[in-house]
C-alpha atoms as a PDB file:
ATOM      1  CA  UNK A   1      13.380 -59.143  26.402  1.00  0.00           C
ATOM      2  CA  UNK A   2      14.451 -62.700  25.596  1.00  0.00           C
ATOM      3  CA  UNK A   3      11.265 -64.029  27.181  1.00  0.00           C
ATOM      4  CA  UNK A   4       9.139 -61.713  25.066  1.00  0.00           C
ATOM      5  CA  UNK A   5      10.903 -62.781  21.870  1.00  0.00           C
ATOM      6  CA  UNK A   6      10.310 -66.396  22.827  1.00  0.00           C
ATOM      7  CA  UNK A   7       6.608 -65.625  23.285  1.00  0.00           C
ATOM      8  CA  UNK A   8       6.532 -64.049  19.810  1.00  0.00           C
ATOM      9  CA  UNK A   9       8.019 -67.218  18.325  1.00  0.00           C
ATOM     10  CA  UNK A  10       5.460 -69.276  20.254  1.00  0.00           C
ATOM     11  CA  UNK A  11       2.742 -67.002  18.882  1.00  0.00           C
ATOM     12  CA  UNK A  12       3.647 -68.012  15.309  1.00  0.00           C
ATOM     13  CA  UNK A  13       3.944 -71.683  16.382  1.00  0.00           C
ATOM     14  CA  UNK A  14       7.564 -72.191  15.340  1.00  0.00           C
ATOM     15  CA  UNK A  15       7.671 -74.834  18.062  1.00  0.00           C
ATOM     16  CA  UNK A  16       4.914 -76.705  16.198  1.00  0.00           C
ATOM     17  CA  UNK A  17       6.058 -76.858  12.564  1.00  0.00           C
ATOM     18  CA  UNK A  18       3.345 -79.238  11.297  1.00  0.00           C
ATOM     19  CA  UNK A  19       1.319 -76.269  10.021  1.00  0.00           C
ATOM     20  CA  UNK A  20       4.301 -75.081   8.001  1.00  0.00           C
ATOM     21  CA  UNK A  21       4.638 -78.504   6.377  1.00  0.00           C
ATOM     22  CA  UNK A  22       0.943 -78.653   5.506  1.00  0.00           C
ATOM     23  CA  UNK A  23       1.173 -75.233   3.870  1.00  0.00           C
ATOM     24  CA  UNK A  24       4.516 -75.844   2.170  1.00  0.00           C
ATOM     25  CA  UNK A  25       3.990 -79.261   0.573  1.00  0.00           C
ATOM     26  CA  UNK A  26       1.080 -78.162  -1.676  1.00  0.00           C
ATOM     27  CA  UNK A  27       3.391 -75.421  -3.001  1.00  0.00           C
ATOM     28  CA  UNK A  28       5.919 -78.127  -3.849  1.00  0.00           C
ATOM     29  CA  UNK A  29       3.197 -80.154  -5.573  1.00  0.00           C
ATOM     30  CA  UNK A  30       2.484 -77.205  -7.840  1.00  0.00           C
ATOM     31  CA  UNK A  31       6.148 -76.588  -8.671  1.00  0.00           C
ATOM     32  CA  UNK A  32       6.826 -80.269  -9.358  1.00  0.00           C
ATOM     33  CA  UNK A  33       3.665 -80.613 -11.457  1.00  0.00           C
ATOM     34  CA  UNK A  34       4.855 -77.757 -13.680  1.00  0.00           C
ATOM     35  CA  UNK A  35       8.418 -79.079 -13.965  1.00  0.00           C
ATOM     36  CA  UNK A  36       9.087 -81.079 -17.111  1.00  0.00           C
ATOM     37  CA  UNK A  37      12.673 -82.297 -16.724  1.00  0.00           C
ATOM     38  CA  UNK A  38      15.340 -82.887 -14.092  1.00  0.00           C
ATOM     39  CA  UNK A  39      17.364 -80.013 -15.555  1.00  0.00           C
ATOM     40  CA  UNK A  40      14.361 -77.714 -15.167  1.00  0.00           C
ATOM     41  CA  UNK A  41      14.009 -78.837 -11.553  1.00  0.00           C
ATOM     42  CA  UNK A  42      17.447 -77.353 -10.801  1.00  0.00           C
ATOM     43  CA  UNK A  43      16.188 -73.928 -11.863  1.00  0.00           C
ATOM     44  CA  UNK A  44      12.779 -74.357 -10.223  1.00  0.00           C
ATOM     45  CA  UNK A  45      14.374 -75.304  -6.917  1.00  0.00           C
ATOM     46  CA  UNK A  46      14.582 -71.551  -6.326  1.00  0.00           C
ATOM     47  CA  UNK A  47      10.781 -71.472  -6.123  1.00  0.00           C
ATOM     48  CA  UNK A  48      10.742 -74.335  -3.621  1.00  0.00           C
ATOM     49  CA  UNK A  49      13.115 -72.436  -1.307  1.00  0.00           C
ATOM     50  CA  UNK A  50      11.091 -69.242  -1.797  1.00  0.00           C
ATOM     51  CA  UNK A  51       7.849 -71.015  -0.914  1.00  0.00           C
ATOM     52  CA  UNK A  52       9.429 -72.547   2.174  1.00  0.00           C
ATOM     53  CA  UNK A  53      10.151 -69.087   3.541  1.00  0.00           C
ATOM     54  CA  UNK A  54       6.724 -67.927   2.395  1.00  0.00           C
ATOM     55  CA  UNK A  55       5.049 -70.823   4.196  1.00  0.00           C
ATOM     56  CA  UNK A  56       6.859 -70.038   7.452  1.00  0.00           C
ATOM     57  CA  UNK A  57       5.900 -66.376   7.186  1.00  0.00           C
ATOM     58  CA  UNK A  58       2.253 -66.774   6.175  1.00  0.00           C
ATOM     59  CA  UNK A  59       1.575 -69.645   8.537  1.00  0.00           C
ATOM     60  CA  UNK A  60       2.863 -67.371  11.290  1.00  0.00           C
ATOM     61  CA  UNK A  61       0.633 -64.536  10.106  1.00  0.00           C
ATOM     62  CA  UNK A  62      -2.333 -66.906  10.034  1.00  0.00           C
ATOM     63  CA  UNK A  63      -1.662 -68.023  13.609  1.00  0.00           C
ATOM     64  CA  UNK A  64      -1.516 -64.416  14.789  1.00  0.00           C
ATOM     65  CA  UNK A  65      -4.772 -63.313  13.175  1.00  0.00           C
ATOM     66  CA  UNK A  66      -6.451 -66.483  14.433  1.00  0.00           C
ATOM     67  CA  UNK A  67      -5.262 -65.847  18.007  1.00  0.00           C
ATOM     68  CA  UNK A  68      -6.330 -62.195  17.886  1.00  0.00           C
ATOM     69  CA  UNK A  69      -9.862 -63.154  16.902  1.00  0.00           C
ATOM     70  CA  UNK A  70      -9.974 -66.081  19.335  1.00  0.00           C
ATOM     71  CA  UNK A  71      -8.224 -64.488  22.320  1.00  0.00           C
ATOM     72  CA  UNK A  72     -11.322 -64.499  24.533  1.00  0.00           C
ATOM     73  CA  UNK A  73     -12.421 -67.960  23.427  1.00  0.00           C
ATOM     74  CA  UNK A  74      -8.952 -69.446  23.887  1.00  0.00           C
ATOM     75  CA  UNK A  75      -9.077 -68.590  27.587  1.00  0.00           C
ATOM     76  CA  UNK A  76     -11.891 -71.124  27.987  1.00  0.00           C
ATOM     77  CA  UNK A  77     -10.202 -74.007  26.177  1.00  0.00           C
ATOM     78  CA  UNK A  78      -7.670 -76.140  28.033  1.00  0.00           C
ATOM     79  CA  UNK A  79      -5.511 -76.728  24.947  1.00  0.00           C
ATOM     80  CA  UNK A  80      -5.278 -73.020  24.049  1.00  0.00           C
ATOM     81  CA  UNK A  81      -5.536 -71.046  27.278  1.00  0.00           C
ATOM     82  CA  UNK A  82      -1.749 -70.640  27.501  1.00  0.00           C
ATOM     83  CA  UNK A  83      -1.385 -69.140  24.028  1.00  0.00           C
ATOM     84  CA  UNK A  84       0.560 -65.848  24.274  1.00  0.00           C
ATOM     85  CA  UNK A  85      -2.326 -63.478  23.521  1.00  0.00           C
ATOM     86  CA  UNK A  86      -4.960 -65.365  25.535  1.00  0.00           C
ATOM     87  CA  UNK A  87      -2.647 -65.597  28.543  1.00  0.00           C
ATOM     88  CA  UNK A  88      -1.639 -61.926  28.339  1.00  0.00           C
ATOM     89  CA  UNK A  89       2.014 -62.627  27.551  1.00  0.00           C
ATOM     90  CA  UNK A  90       1.685 -60.724  24.257  1.00  0.00           C
ATOM     91  CA  UNK A  91      -0.345 -57.529  23.896  1.00  0.00           C
ATOM     92  CA  UNK A  92      -2.902 -57.367  21.077  1.00  0.00           C
ATOM     93  CA  UNK A  93      -1.261 -54.229  19.667  1.00  0.00           C
ATOM     94  CA  UNK A  94       2.123 -55.942  19.527  1.00  0.00           C
ATOM     95  CA  UNK A  95       0.520 -58.944  17.828  1.00  0.00           C
ATOM     96  CA  UNK A  96      -1.067 -56.687  15.206  1.00  0.00           C
ATOM     97  CA  UNK A  97       2.272 -54.986  14.504  1.00  0.00           C
ATOM     98  CA  UNK A  98       3.977 -58.379  14.172  1.00  0.00           C
ATOM     99  CA  UNK A  99       1.169 -59.561  11.873  1.00  0.00           C
ATOM    100  CA  UNK A 100       1.609 -56.530   9.620  1.00  0.00           C
ATOM    101  CA  UNK A 101       5.377 -57.069   9.560  1.00  0.00           C
ATOM    102  CA  UNK A 102       4.947 -60.687   8.447  1.00  0.00           C
ATOM    103  CA  UNK A 103       2.389 -59.626   5.846  1.00  0.00           C
ATOM    104  CA  UNK A 104       4.922 -57.169   4.396  1.00  0.00           C
ATOM    105  CA  UNK A 105       7.501 -59.951   4.155  1.00  0.00           C
ATOM    106  CA  UNK A 106       4.939 -62.233   2.531  1.00  0.00           C
ATOM    107  CA  UNK A 107       3.954 -59.504   0.076  1.00  0.00           C
ATOM    108  CA  UNK A 108       7.585 -58.974  -0.874  1.00  0.00           C
ATOM    109  CA  UNK A 109       7.870 -62.673  -1.741  1.00  0.00           C
ATOM    110  CA  UNK A 110       4.555 -62.633  -3.618  1.00  0.00           C
ATOM    111  CA  UNK A 111       5.531 -59.607  -5.713  1.00  0.00           C
ATOM    112  CA  UNK A 112       8.595 -61.487  -6.963  1.00  0.00           C
ATOM    113  CA  UNK A 113       6.241 -63.878  -8.808  1.00  0.00           C
ATOM    114  CA  UNK A 114       4.261 -63.419 -12.025  1.00  0.00           C
ATOM    115  CA  UNK A 115       0.904 -61.658 -12.284  1.00  0.00           C
ATOM    116  CA  UNK A 116      -1.388 -64.684 -12.063  1.00  0.00           C
ATOM    117  CA  UNK A 117       0.481 -65.995  -9.012  1.00  0.00           C
ATOM    118  CA  UNK A 118       0.142 -62.594  -7.331  1.00  0.00           C
ATOM    119  CA  UNK A 119      -3.625 -62.571  -7.883  1.00  0.00           C
ATOM    120  CA  UNK A 120      -4.013 -66.091  -6.485  1.00  0.00           C
ATOM    121  CA  UNK A 121      -1.823 -65.152  -3.513  1.00  0.00           C
ATOM    122  CA  UNK A 122      -3.951 -62.098  -2.728  1.00  0.00           C
ATOM    123  CA  UNK A 123      -7.114 -64.205  -2.822  1.00  0.00           C
ATOM    124  CA  UNK A 124      -5.418 -66.673  -0.510  1.00  0.00           C
ATOM    125  CA  UNK A 125      -4.606 -63.862   1.933  1.00  0.00           C
ATOM    126  CA  UNK A 126      -8.260 -62.816   2.071  1.00  0.00           C
ATOM    127  CA  UNK A 127      -9.241 -66.392   2.890  1.00  0.00           C
ATOM    128  CA  UNK A 128      -6.526 -66.499   5.548  1.00  0.00           C
ATOM    129  CA  UNK A 129      -8.101 -63.522   7.328  1.00  0.00           C
ATOM    130  CA  UNK A 130     -11.639 -64.892   6.960  1.00  0.00           C
ATOM    131  CA  UNK A 131     -10.852 -68.343   8.375  1.00  0.00           C
ATOM    132  CA  UNK A 132     -11.158 -67.391  12.082  1.00  0.00           C
ATOM    133  CA  UNK A 133     -14.587 -65.882  11.350  1.00  0.00           C
ATOM    134  CA  UNK A 134     -15.717 -69.013   9.502  1.00  0.00           C
ATOM    135  CA  UNK A 135     -15.523 -71.005  12.743  1.00  0.00           C
ATOM    136  CA  UNK A 136     -18.257 -68.765  14.140  1.00  0.00           C
ATOM    137  CA  UNK A 137     -20.546 -68.826  11.113  1.00  0.00           C
ATOM    138  CA  UNK A 138     -20.432 -72.329   9.627  1.00  0.00           C
ATOM    139  CA  UNK A 139     -19.782 -75.943  10.539  1.00  0.00           C
ATOM    140  CA  UNK A 140     -17.421 -76.048   7.539  1.00  0.00           C
ATOM    141  CA  UNK A 141     -14.410 -73.917   8.534  1.00  0.00           C
ATOM    142  CA  UNK A 142     -12.265 -76.881   7.457  1.00  0.00           C
ATOM    143  CA  UNK A 143     -13.416 -76.209   3.883  1.00  0.00           C
ATOM    144  CA  UNK A 144     -12.276 -72.583   4.140  1.00  0.00           C
ATOM    145  CA  UNK A 145      -8.947 -73.817   5.491  1.00  0.00           C
ATOM    146  CA  UNK A 146      -8.666 -76.297   2.617  1.00  0.00           C
ATOM    147  CA  UNK A 147      -9.315 -73.594   0.033  1.00  0.00           C
ATOM    148  CA  UNK A 148      -6.680 -71.429   1.729  1.00  0.00           C
ATOM    149  CA  UNK A 149      -3.873 -73.869   2.512  1.00  0.00           C
ATOM    150  CA  UNK A 150      -3.899 -75.495  -0.907  1.00  0.00           C
ATOM    151  CA  UNK A 151      -3.735 -72.364  -3.045  1.00  0.00           C
ATOM    152  CA  UNK A 152      -0.014 -73.109  -2.862  1.00  0.00           C
ATOM    153  CA  UNK A 153      -0.661 -75.749  -5.539  1.00  0.00           C
ATOM    154  CA  UNK A 154      -1.940 -73.080  -7.912  1.00  0.00           C
ATOM    155  CA  UNK A 155       0.689 -70.507  -6.945  1.00  0.00           C
ATOM    156  CA  UNK A 156       3.518 -73.020  -7.314  1.00  0.00           C
ATOM    157  CA  UNK A 157       2.252 -74.241 -10.674  1.00  0.00           C
ATOM    158  CA  UNK A 158       1.558 -70.802 -12.135  1.00  0.00           C
ATOM    159  CA  UNK A 159       4.895 -69.444 -10.895  1.00  0.00           C
ATOM    160  CA  UNK A 160       6.697 -71.982 -13.073  1.00  0.00           C
ATOM    161  CA  UNK A 161       4.309 -72.360 -16.007  1.00  0.00           C
ATOM    162  CA  UNK A 162       2.734 -68.901 -16.155  1.00  0.00           C
ATOM    163  CA  UNK A 163      -0.803 -70.309 -16.423  1.00  0.00           C
ATOM    164  CA  UNK A 164      -3.379 -72.593 -14.780  1.00  0.00           C
ATOM    165  CA  UNK A 165      -4.793 -75.648 -16.586  1.00  0.00           C
ATOM    166  CA  UNK A 166      -7.515 -78.152 -15.751  1.00  0.00           C
ATOM    167  CA  UNK A 167      -5.141 -80.906 -14.655  1.00  0.00           C
ATOM    168  CA  UNK A 168      -3.668 -78.821 -11.836  1.00  0.00           C
ATOM    169  CA  UNK A 169      -7.174 -78.059 -10.603  1.00  0.00           C
ATOM    170  CA  UNK A 170      -7.615 -81.744  -9.804  1.00  0.00           C
ATOM    171  CA  UNK A 171      -4.429 -81.607  -7.707  1.00  0.00           C
ATOM    172  CA  UNK A 172      -5.799 -78.514  -5.947  1.00  0.00           C
ATOM    173  CA  UNK A 173      -9.073 -80.318  -5.236  1.00  0.00           C
ATOM    174  CA  UNK A 174      -7.106 -83.286  -3.879  1.00  0.00           C
ATOM    175  CA  UNK A 175      -5.483 -80.909  -1.400  1.00  0.00           C
ATOM    176  CA  UNK A 176      -8.856 -79.498  -0.345  1.00  0.00           C
ATOM    177  CA  UNK A 177     -10.271 -82.952   0.412  1.00  0.00           C
ATOM    178  CA  UNK A 178      -7.035 -83.835   2.205  1.00  0.00           C
ATOM    179  CA  UNK A 179      -7.421 -80.788   4.454  1.00  0.00           C
ATOM    180  CA  UNK A 180     -11.079 -81.581   5.097  1.00  0.00           C
ATOM    181  CA  UNK A 181      -9.951 -84.989   6.346  1.00  0.00           C
ATOM    182  CA  UNK A 182      -6.939 -84.094   8.451  1.00  0.00           C
ATOM    183  CA  UNK A 183      -8.407 -80.935   9.975  1.00  0.00           C
ATOM    184  CA  UNK A 184     -11.560 -82.797  10.954  1.00  0.00           C
ATOM    185  CA  UNK A 185      -9.286 -85.208  12.811  1.00  0.00           C
ATOM    186  CA  UNK A 186      -7.527 -82.244  14.430  1.00  0.00           C
ATOM    187  CA  UNK A 187     -10.847 -80.668  15.460  1.00  0.00           C
ATOM    188  CA  UNK A 188     -11.832 -83.806  17.392  1.00  0.00           C
ATOM    189  CA  UNK A 189      -9.470 -82.630  20.144  1.00  0.00           C
ATOM    190  CA  UNK A 190     -11.711 -79.635  20.895  1.00  0.00           C
ATOM    191  CA  UNK A 191     -15.196 -81.064  20.381  1.00  0.00           C
ATOM    192  CA  UNK A 192     -16.318 -80.663  23.996  1.00  0.00           C
ATOM    193  CA  UNK A 193     -14.827 -77.193  24.449  1.00  0.00           C
ATOM    194  CA  UNK A 194     -16.062 -75.991  21.049  1.00  0.00           C
ATOM    195  CA  UNK A 195     -19.575 -77.124  21.884  1.00  0.00           C
ATOM    196  CA  UNK A 196     -19.525 -75.104  25.098  1.00  0.00           C
ATOM    197  CA  UNK A 197     -18.208 -71.868  23.608  1.00  0.00           C
ATOM    198  CA  UNK A 198     -20.103 -71.985  20.302  1.00  0.00           C
ATOM    199  CA  UNK A 199     -17.256 -72.711  17.870  1.00  0.00           C
ATOM    200  CA  UNK A 200     -18.292 -74.820  14.878  1.00  0.00           C
ATOM    201  CA  UNK A 201     -16.364 -77.544  13.069  1.00  0.00           C
ATOM    202  CA  UNK A 202     -16.907 -80.553  10.840  1.00  0.00           C
ATOM    203  CA  UNK A 203     -15.965 -82.765  13.809  1.00  0.00           C
ATOM    204  CA  UNK A 204     -18.938 -81.362  15.741  1.00  0.00           C
ATOM    205  CA  UNK A 205     -21.189 -81.591  12.693  1.00  0.00           C
ATOM    206  CA  UNK A 206     -20.392 -85.240  11.949  1.00  0.00           C
ATOM    207  CA  UNK A 207     -20.316 -86.468  15.550  1.00  0.00           C
ATOM    208  CA  UNK A 208     -20.216 -90.255  15.742  1.00  0.00           C
ATOM    209  CA  UNK A 209     -20.154 -90.441  11.925  1.00  0.00           C
ATOM    210  CA  UNK A 210     -16.803 -88.662  11.763  1.00  0.00           C
ATOM    211  CA  UNK A 211     -14.891 -91.788  10.663  1.00  0.00           C
ATOM    212  CA  UNK A 212     -17.239 -92.263   7.698  1.00  0.00           C
ATOM    213  CA  UNK A 213     -16.834 -88.644   6.624  1.00  0.00           C
ATOM    214  CA  UNK A 214     -13.052 -88.627   6.957  1.00  0.00           C
ATOM    215  CA  UNK A 215     -12.998 -91.827   4.883  1.00  0.00           C
ATOM    216  CA  UNK A 216     -15.166 -90.101   2.285  1.00  0.00           C
ATOM    217  CA  UNK A 217     -12.879 -87.058   2.112  1.00  0.00           C
ATOM    218  CA  UNK A 218      -9.764 -89.192   1.776  1.00  0.00           C
ATOM    219  CA  UNK A 219     -11.473 -91.310  -0.895  1.00  0.00           C
ATOM    220  CA  UNK A 220     -12.226 -88.151  -2.894  1.00  0.00           C
ATOM    221  CA  UNK A 221      -8.650 -87.021  -2.372  1.00  0.00           C
ATOM    222  CA  UNK A 222      -7.345 -90.255  -3.877  1.00  0.00           C
ATOM    223  CA  UNK A 223      -9.787 -89.956  -6.796  1.00  0.00           C
ATOM    224  CA  UNK A 224      -8.501 -86.439  -7.524  1.00  0.00           C
ATOM    225  CA  UNK A 225      -4.875 -87.600  -7.330  1.00  0.00           C
ATOM    226  CA  UNK A 226      -5.724 -90.438  -9.708  1.00  0.00           C
ATOM    227  CA  UNK A 227      -7.454 -88.037 -12.119  1.00  0.00           C
ATOM    228  CA  UNK A 228      -4.397 -85.800 -12.057  1.00  0.00           C
ATOM    229  CA  UNK A 229      -2.224 -88.761 -12.988  1.00  0.00           C
ATOM    230  CA  UNK A 230      -4.526 -89.742 -15.844  1.00  0.00           C
ATOM    231  CA  UNK A 231      -4.709 -86.214 -17.266  1.00  0.00           C
ATOM    232  CA  UNK A 232      -0.958 -85.570 -17.002  1.00  0.00           C
ATOM    233  CA  UNK A 233       2.004 -86.998 -18.831  1.00  0.00           C
ATOM    234  CA  UNK A 234       3.241 -88.984 -15.870  1.00  0.00           C
ATOM    235  CA  UNK A 235       5.001 -92.301 -15.271  1.00  0.00           C
ATOM    236  CA  UNK A 236       3.232 -95.352 -13.843  1.00  0.00           C
ATOM    237  CA  UNK A 237       5.498 -95.043 -10.797  1.00  0.00           C
ATOM    238  CA  UNK A 238       3.223 -92.176  -9.752  1.00  0.00           C
ATOM    239  CA  UNK A 239       0.298 -94.552  -9.324  1.00  0.00           C
ATOM    240  CA  UNK A 240       2.472 -96.951  -7.358  1.00  0.00           C
ATOM    241  CA  UNK A 241       3.310 -94.080  -5.021  1.00  0.00           C
ATOM    242  CA  UNK A 242      -0.389 -93.416  -4.518  1.00  0.00           C
ATOM    243  CA  UNK A 243      -0.714 -96.897  -3.010  1.00  0.00           C
ATOM    244  CA  UNK A 244       1.577 -95.845  -0.161  1.00  0.00           C
ATOM    245  CA  UNK A 245      -0.337 -92.576   0.261  1.00  0.00           C
ATOM    246  CA  UNK A 246      -3.541 -94.596   0.556  1.00  0.00           C
ATOM    247  CA  UNK A 247      -1.972 -96.870   3.192  1.00  0.00           C
ATOM    248  CA  UNK A 248      -1.087 -93.913   5.432  1.00  0.00           C
ATOM    249  CA  UNK A 249      -4.596 -92.511   5.051  1.00  0.00           C
ATOM    250  CA  UNK A 250      -6.095 -95.929   5.812  1.00  0.00           C
ATOM    251  CA  UNK A 251      -4.051 -96.095   9.016  1.00  0.00           C
ATOM    252  CA  UNK A 252      -5.469 -92.731  10.070  1.00  0.00           C
ATOM    253  CA  UNK A 253      -9.023 -93.887   9.455  1.00  0.00           C
ATOM    254  CA  UNK A 254      -8.486 -97.251  11.127  1.00  0.00           C
ATOM    255  CA  UNK A 255      -7.026 -95.742  14.313  1.00  0.00           C
ATOM    256  CA  UNK A 256      -9.332 -92.741  14.537  1.00  0.00           C
ATOM    257  CA  UNK A 257     -11.210 -92.439  17.826  1.00  0.00           C
ATOM    258  CA  UNK A 258     -13.439 -89.722  19.263  1.00  0.00           C
ATOM    259  CA  UNK A 259     -12.330 -90.728  22.740  1.00  0.00           C
ATOM    260  CA  UNK A 260      -8.565 -90.493  22.246  1.00  0.00           C
ATOM    261  CA  UNK A 261      -7.482 -86.921  21.560  1.00  0.00           C
ATOM    262  CA  UNK A 262      -3.784 -87.774  21.876  1.00  0.00           C
ATOM    263  CA  UNK A 263      -4.143 -90.327  19.089  1.00  0.00           C
ATOM    264  CA  UNK A 264      -6.037 -87.787  16.971  1.00  0.00           C
ATOM    265  CA  UNK A 265      -3.125 -85.351  17.292  1.00  0.00           C
ATOM    266  CA  UNK A 266      -0.676 -88.105  16.333  1.00  0.00           C
ATOM    267  CA  UNK A 267      -2.745 -89.045  13.281  1.00  0.00           C
ATOM    268  CA  UNK A 268      -3.083 -85.412  12.278  1.00  0.00           C
ATOM    269  CA  UNK A 269       0.691 -84.931  12.420  1.00  0.00           C
ATOM    270  CA  UNK A 270       1.239 -88.015  10.263  1.00  0.00           C
ATOM    271  CA  UNK A 271      -0.094 -85.984   7.343  1.00  0.00           C
ATOM    272  CA  UNK A 272       3.328 -84.416   6.985  1.00  0.00           C
ATOM    273  CA  UNK A 273       4.394 -87.785   5.555  1.00  0.00           C
ATOM    274  CA  UNK A 274       1.400 -87.785   3.212  1.00  0.00           C
ATOM    275  CA  UNK A 275       2.391 -84.391   1.814  1.00  0.00           C
ATOM    276  CA  UNK A 276       6.033 -85.414   1.434  1.00  0.00           C
ATOM    277  CA  UNK A 277       5.144 -88.727  -0.200  1.00  0.00           C
ATOM    278  CA  UNK A 278       2.988 -86.975  -2.783  1.00  0.00           C
ATOM    279  CA  UNK A 279       6.025 -84.812  -3.591  1.00  0.00           C
ATOM    280  CA  UNK A 280       8.006 -87.967  -4.302  1.00  0.00           C
ATOM    281  CA  UNK A 281       5.216 -89.403  -6.456  1.00  0.00           C
ATOM    282  CA  UNK A 282       5.183 -86.228  -8.516  1.00  0.00           C
ATOM    283  CA  UNK A 283       8.927 -86.473  -8.985  1.00  0.00           C
ATOM    284  CA  UNK A 284       8.339 -89.705 -10.913  1.00  0.00           C
ATOM    285  CA  UNK A 285       7.039 -87.500 -13.720  1.00  0.00           C
ATOM    286  CA  UNK A 286      10.630 -86.458 -14.336  1.00  0.00           C
ATOM    287  CA  UNK A 287      11.822 -90.015 -14.961  1.00  0.00           C
ATOM    288  CA  UNK A 288       9.173 -90.736 -17.552  1.00  0.00           C
END
């Protein structure tokens, strides 16, 4: 019984929390962007805690639905062949039941928010389910992932403010370009296996030009972050913080290699610091 529970936790990748961070930090961006004062932050901290639990739950649900769709493909990939469903440690039926349970928990959290946040959350859930199929249909599944993972910006913002404005859309777009960059780096690990089994990715699409494209995505991300700063009532410290964000992204680009998958994984994981640093830059708005 203990072994089976451990396999369930492995199924939702609790042993690999980077996905939780990458889902959670955009939610924090949205909350912080909608927060006007330090006193307001004390009340809005409730949303940050709520979104942390929501990120753990929905990231887990996303991993399950992905592994259900990919169970036969995962058997042929060295990095994924020991995943619980692919290896037979977890039955598909049990995985579906666990997925539905997590979805119910996620829905309970979503229904505690306002109407516009609920609608955005439901759209995000649809994208979450479609993502595993995107890898079979287009070389741009990273774009679908970016649209999905960064809806937290819009949900976080609308939960606090009750509306969506044009400035927050630039922060959402920044998150999409960020995901396009970091998930392309992540996909480099599986280029050879993906090519054999017919899975598509931006890493396969770009090939030897992948460094140029990742640079392009990160450049657009920085432009969107800059536009957000210009269109928001924000302190100049925010732009100083963006310098440090750019330095981390530059390091990723500079050290990126198609021939070193271990380094690609390390660079991918370093994006947790990017997400956290952007949170700190947004906090400078409160000292304006």
